[in-house]
Amino acid sequence: MLEGIIDLVKEQVVPAIANNENIPADKRSAVVETTTSTVVEGLKEYFTPDNISSITSMFSGESGGGNIVSSLQSSVVNALSEKLGLNKDIANSIASAVIPAIMSLFSQKANDPNDEGFTVESLIGALGGKSSGGLLGMLGGLFGNK
């Protein structure tokens, strides 16, 4: 499930970066990696059993999703600016395009009756780092940092 979440995030990140001429070609791979890992880490912090009612409300279209969106956007902007030296305006344009798209996609999948494997509970389980290596270990393996 975690790999599926990472793939969903990357599906939103890659086009936003590939089509952005303001990102130097030699930094695009690092931007994808940093954005993806920052989003997944942010989701890990938010998708906990303590927040299940907020998450459910967010996926049902009620208010409450704004906090996670703004928090994730801020985290992505900071990571891209601090780690990769991107201009804050460029970093903000990436975060503003990617985060709402990711949250909308998660909401669609969570509300899709044909996608029984994608539920709030499965997200919490996958993002909870219950495996022995945890989320960071899995991300490290995904990006080749074994």
C-alpha atoms as a PDB file:
ATOM      1  CA  MET A   1       0.000   0.000   0.000  1.00  0.00           C
ATOM      2  CA  LEU A   2       2.799   2.445   0.834  1.00  0.00           C
ATOM      3  CA  GLU A   3       4.369   1.960  -2.585  1.00  0.00           C
ATOM      4  CA  GLY A   4       0.959   2.662  -4.131  1.00  0.00           C
ATOM      5  CA  ILE A   5       0.717   5.910  -2.165  1.00  0.00           C
ATOM      6  CA  ILE A   6       4.221   6.915  -3.237  1.00  0.00           C
ATOM      7  CA  ASP A   7       3.326   6.119  -6.856  1.00  0.00           C
ATOM      8  CA  LEU A   8       0.150   8.236  -6.612  1.00  0.00           C
ATOM      9  CA  VAL A   9       2.150  11.134  -5.220  1.00  0.00           C
ATOM     10  CA  LYS A  10       4.810  10.787  -7.933  1.00  0.00           C
ATOM     11  CA  GLU A  11       2.112  10.688 -10.636  1.00  0.00           C
ATOM     12  CA  GLN A  12       1.139  14.201  -9.555  1.00  0.00           C
ATOM     13  CA  VAL A  13       4.671  15.486  -8.942  1.00  0.00           C
ATOM     14  CA  VAL A  14       6.436  14.408 -12.132  1.00  0.00           C
ATOM     15  CA  PRO A  15       4.264  16.338 -14.640  1.00  0.00           C
ATOM     16  CA  ALA A  16       4.339  19.499 -12.509  1.00  0.00           C
ATOM     17  CA  ILE A  17       8.119  19.399 -12.494  1.00  0.00           C
ATOM     18  CA  ALA A  18       8.758  18.095 -15.998  1.00  0.00           C
ATOM     19  CA  ASN A  19       6.739  20.933 -17.522  1.00  0.00           C
ATOM     20  CA  ASN A  20       8.239  23.667 -15.342  1.00  0.00           C
ATOM     21  CA  GLU A  21      10.936  25.469 -17.310  1.00  0.00           C
ATOM     22  CA  ASN A  22      11.983  27.370 -14.174  1.00  0.00           C
ATOM     23  CA  ILE A  23      13.513  24.226 -12.676  1.00  0.00           C
ATOM     24  CA  PRO A  24      17.033  23.537 -13.902  1.00  0.00           C
ATOM     25  CA  ALA A  25      17.234  20.212 -15.744  1.00  0.00           C
ATOM     26  CA  ASP A  26      19.971  18.948 -13.435  1.00  0.00           C
ATOM     27  CA  LYS A  27      17.732  19.466 -10.379  1.00  0.00           C
ATOM     28  CA  ARG A  28      14.517  17.900 -11.670  1.00  0.00           C
ATOM     29  CA  SER A  29      15.195  14.419 -10.322  1.00  0.00           C
ATOM     30  CA  ALA A  30      16.101  15.832  -6.904  1.00  0.00           C
ATOM     31  CA  VAL A  31      12.967  18.003  -6.957  1.00  0.00           C
ATOM     32  CA  VAL A  32      10.802  14.950  -7.644  1.00  0.00           C
ATOM     33  CA  GLU A  33      12.492  12.979  -4.866  1.00  0.00           C
ATOM     34  CA  THR A  34      12.361  15.829  -2.333  1.00  0.00           C
ATOM     35  CA  THR A  35       8.765  16.730  -3.101  1.00  0.00           C
ATOM     36  CA  THR A  36       7.598  13.114  -2.949  1.00  0.00           C
ATOM     37  CA  SER A  37       9.403  12.303   0.289  1.00  0.00           C
ATOM     38  CA  THR A  38       8.246  15.560   1.926  1.00  0.00           C
ATOM     39  CA  VAL A  39       4.614  14.903   0.989  1.00  0.00           C
ATOM     40  CA  VAL A  40       4.709  11.282   2.165  1.00  0.00           C
ATOM     41  CA  GLU A  41       6.379  12.271   5.451  1.00  0.00           C
ATOM     42  CA  GLY A  42       3.755  14.995   5.948  1.00  0.00           C
ATOM     43  CA  LEU A  43       0.955  12.521   5.269  1.00  0.00           C
ATOM     44  CA  LYS A  44       2.549  10.140   7.751  1.00  0.00           C
ATOM     45  CA  GLU A  45       2.318  12.793  10.452  1.00  0.00           C
ATOM     46  CA  TYR A  46      -1.316  13.583   9.659  1.00  0.00           C
ATOM     47  CA  PHE A  47      -2.756  10.144   8.925  1.00  0.00           C
ATOM     48  CA  THR A  48      -2.936   8.765  12.437  1.00  0.00           C
ATOM     49  CA  PRO A  49      -5.742   7.045  14.345  1.00  0.00           C
ATOM     50  CA  ASP A  50      -6.114  10.238  16.398  1.00  0.00           C
ATOM     51  CA  ASN A  51      -7.080  12.175  13.258  1.00  0.00           C
ATOM     52  CA  ILE A  52      -9.450   9.628  11.732  1.00  0.00           C
ATOM     53  CA  SER A  53     -12.556  11.819  12.086  1.00  0.00           C
ATOM     54  CA  SER A  54     -10.779  14.800  10.470  1.00  0.00           C
ATOM     55  CA  ILE A  55      -9.496  12.596   7.654  1.00  0.00           C
ATOM     56  CA  THR A  56     -12.925  11.083   7.080  1.00  0.00           C
ATOM     57  CA  SER A  57     -14.480  14.564   7.042  1.00  0.00           C
ATOM     58  CA  MET A  58     -11.866  15.758   4.582  1.00  0.00           C
ATOM     59  CA  PHE A  59     -12.510  12.846   2.222  1.00  0.00           C
ATOM     60  CA  SER A  60     -16.262  13.317   2.431  1.00  0.00           C
ATOM     61  CA  GLY A  61     -15.877  16.895   1.209  1.00  0.00           C
ATOM     62  CA  GLU A  62     -16.438  18.598   4.553  1.00  0.00           C
ATOM     63  CA  SER A  63     -14.147  21.316   5.828  1.00  0.00           C
ATOM     64  CA  GLY A  64     -11.004  20.385   7.707  1.00  0.00           C
ATOM     65  CA  GLY A  65      -8.704  19.460   4.857  1.00  0.00           C
ATOM     66  CA  GLY A  66      -7.320  22.980   4.609  1.00  0.00           C
ATOM     67  CA  ASN A  67      -4.909  22.467   7.489  1.00  0.00           C
ATOM     68  CA  ILE A  68      -3.224  19.454   5.940  1.00  0.00           C
ATOM     69  CA  VAL A  69      -3.052  21.119   2.522  1.00  0.00           C
ATOM     70  CA  SER A  70      -1.466  24.308   3.850  1.00  0.00           C
ATOM     71  CA  SER A  71       0.885  22.341   6.100  1.00  0.00           C
ATOM     72  CA  LEU A  72       2.021  20.099   3.236  1.00  0.00           C
ATOM     73  CA  GLN A  73       2.451  23.065   0.905  1.00  0.00           C
ATOM     74  CA  SER A  74       4.563  24.882   3.472  1.00  0.00           C
ATOM     75  CA  SER A  75       6.695  21.780   4.074  1.00  0.00           C
ATOM     76  CA  VAL A  76       7.291  21.279   0.350  1.00  0.00           C
ATOM     77  CA  VAL A  77       8.203  24.933  -0.195  1.00  0.00           C
ATOM     78  CA  ASN A  78      10.644  24.858   2.717  1.00  0.00           C
ATOM     79  CA  ALA A  79      12.222  21.567   1.625  1.00  0.00           C
ATOM     80  CA  LEU A  80      12.681  22.676  -1.977  1.00  0.00           C
ATOM     81  CA  SER A  81      14.069  26.057  -0.952  1.00  0.00           C
ATOM     82  CA  GLU A  82      16.349  24.863   1.834  1.00  0.00           C
ATOM     83  CA  LYS A  83      17.560  21.525   0.460  1.00  0.00           C
ATOM     84  CA  LEU A  84      17.753  22.342  -3.234  1.00  0.00           C
ATOM     85  CA  GLY A  85      18.085  26.121  -3.283  1.00  0.00           C
ATOM     86  CA  LEU A  86      15.011  26.720  -5.404  1.00  0.00           C
ATOM     87  CA  ASN A  87      13.500  30.173  -5.419  1.00  0.00           C
ATOM     88  CA  LYS A  88      10.514  30.309  -3.020  1.00  0.00           C
ATOM     89  CA  ASP A  89       8.182  31.414  -5.825  1.00  0.00           C
ATOM     90  CA  ILE A  90       9.134  28.401  -7.939  1.00  0.00           C
ATOM     91  CA  ALA A  91       8.859  26.079  -4.928  1.00  0.00           C
ATOM     92  CA  ASN A  92       5.453  27.560  -4.109  1.00  0.00           C
ATOM     93  CA  SER A  93       4.231  27.064  -7.685  1.00  0.00           C
ATOM     94  CA  ILE A  94       5.172  23.378  -7.455  1.00  0.00           C
ATOM     95  CA  ALA A  95       3.533  22.913  -4.050  1.00  0.00           C
ATOM     96  CA  SER A  96       0.399  24.820  -5.118  1.00  0.00           C
ATOM     97  CA  ALA A  97      -0.018  22.584  -8.157  1.00  0.00           C
ATOM     98  CA  VAL A  98       0.857  19.264  -6.562  1.00  0.00           C
ATOM     99  CA  ILE A  99      -0.680  19.220  -3.069  1.00  0.00           C
ATOM    100  CA  PRO A 100      -4.319  19.993  -3.984  1.00  0.00           C
ATOM    101  CA  ALA A 101      -4.094  17.467  -6.849  1.00  0.00           C
ATOM    102  CA  ILE A 102      -2.793  14.772  -4.482  1.00  0.00           C
ATOM    103  CA  MET A 103      -5.471  15.441  -1.889  1.00  0.00           C
ATOM    104  CA  SER A 104      -8.180  15.445  -4.560  1.00  0.00           C
ATOM    105  CA  LEU A 105      -6.894  12.139  -5.928  1.00  0.00           C
ATOM    106  CA  PHE A 106      -6.848  10.594  -2.446  1.00  0.00           C
ATOM    107  CA  SER A 107     -10.397  11.822  -1.882  1.00  0.00           C
ATOM    108  CA  GLN A 108     -11.574  10.354  -5.199  1.00  0.00           C
ATOM    109  CA  LYS A 109      -9.959   7.004  -4.446  1.00  0.00           C
ATOM    110  CA  ALA A 110     -11.294   6.912  -0.884  1.00  0.00           C
ATOM    111  CA  ASN A 111     -14.803   7.584  -2.191  1.00  0.00           C
ATOM    112  CA  ASP A 112     -14.588   5.118  -5.075  1.00  0.00           C
ATOM    113  CA  PRO A 113     -16.729   2.088  -4.182  1.00  0.00           C
ATOM    114  CA  ASN A 114     -14.755   0.007  -6.705  1.00  0.00           C
ATOM    115  CA  ASP A 115     -11.451   0.684  -4.922  1.00  0.00           C
ATOM    116  CA  GLU A 116     -11.955  -1.328  -1.768  1.00  0.00           C
ATOM    117  CA  GLY A 117      -8.223  -1.441  -1.017  1.00  0.00           C
ATOM    118  CA  PHE A 118      -7.983   2.319  -0.629  1.00  0.00           C
ATOM    119  CA  THR A 119      -9.673   3.367   2.601  1.00  0.00           C
ATOM    120  CA  VAL A 120      -8.921   5.813   5.373  1.00  0.00           C
ATOM    121  CA  GLU A 121      -7.939   2.875   7.559  1.00  0.00           C
ATOM    122  CA  SER A 122      -5.585   1.433   4.929  1.00  0.00           C
ATOM    123  CA  LEU A 123      -3.963   4.851   4.501  1.00  0.00           C
ATOM    124  CA  ILE A 124      -3.416   5.138   8.234  1.00  0.00           C
ATOM    125  CA  GLY A 125      -1.952   1.644   8.344  1.00  0.00           C
ATOM    126  CA  ALA A 126       0.338   2.234   5.375  1.00  0.00           C
ATOM    127  CA  LEU A 127       1.523   5.631   6.520  1.00  0.00           C
ATOM    128  CA  GLY A 128       1.892   4.591  10.133  1.00  0.00           C
ATOM    129  CA  GLY A 129       5.288   3.036   9.502  1.00  0.00           C
ATOM    130  CA  LYS A 130       4.276  -0.263  11.117  1.00  0.00           C
ATOM    131  CA  SER A 131       6.871  -2.254   9.211  1.00  0.00           C
ATOM    132  CA  SER A 132      10.241  -2.899  10.837  1.00  0.00           C
ATOM    133  CA  GLY A 133      12.009  -0.464   8.531  1.00  0.00           C
ATOM    134  CA  GLY A 134       9.396   2.220   8.931  1.00  0.00           C
ATOM    135  CA  LEU A 135       8.433   4.777   6.313  1.00  0.00           C
ATOM    136  CA  LEU A 136      11.851   6.380   6.041  1.00  0.00           C
ATOM    137  CA  GLY A 137      13.531   3.040   5.467  1.00  0.00           C
ATOM    138  CA  MET A 138      11.050   2.194   2.746  1.00  0.00           C
ATOM    139  CA  LEU A 139      11.525   5.604   1.111  1.00  0.00           C
ATOM    140  CA  GLY A 140      15.290   5.188   1.286  1.00  0.00           C
ATOM    141  CA  GLY A 141      15.004   1.845  -0.461  1.00  0.00           C
ATOM    142  CA  LEU A 142      12.699   3.314  -3.067  1.00  0.00           C
ATOM    143  CA  PHE A 143      15.127   6.091  -3.894  1.00  0.00           C
ATOM    144  CA  GLY A 144      18.203   3.851  -3.826  1.00  0.00           C
ATOM    145  CA  ASN A 145      19.587   4.912  -0.432  1.00  0.00           C
ATOM    146  CA  LYS A 146      20.026   1.450   1.039  1.00  0.00           C
END
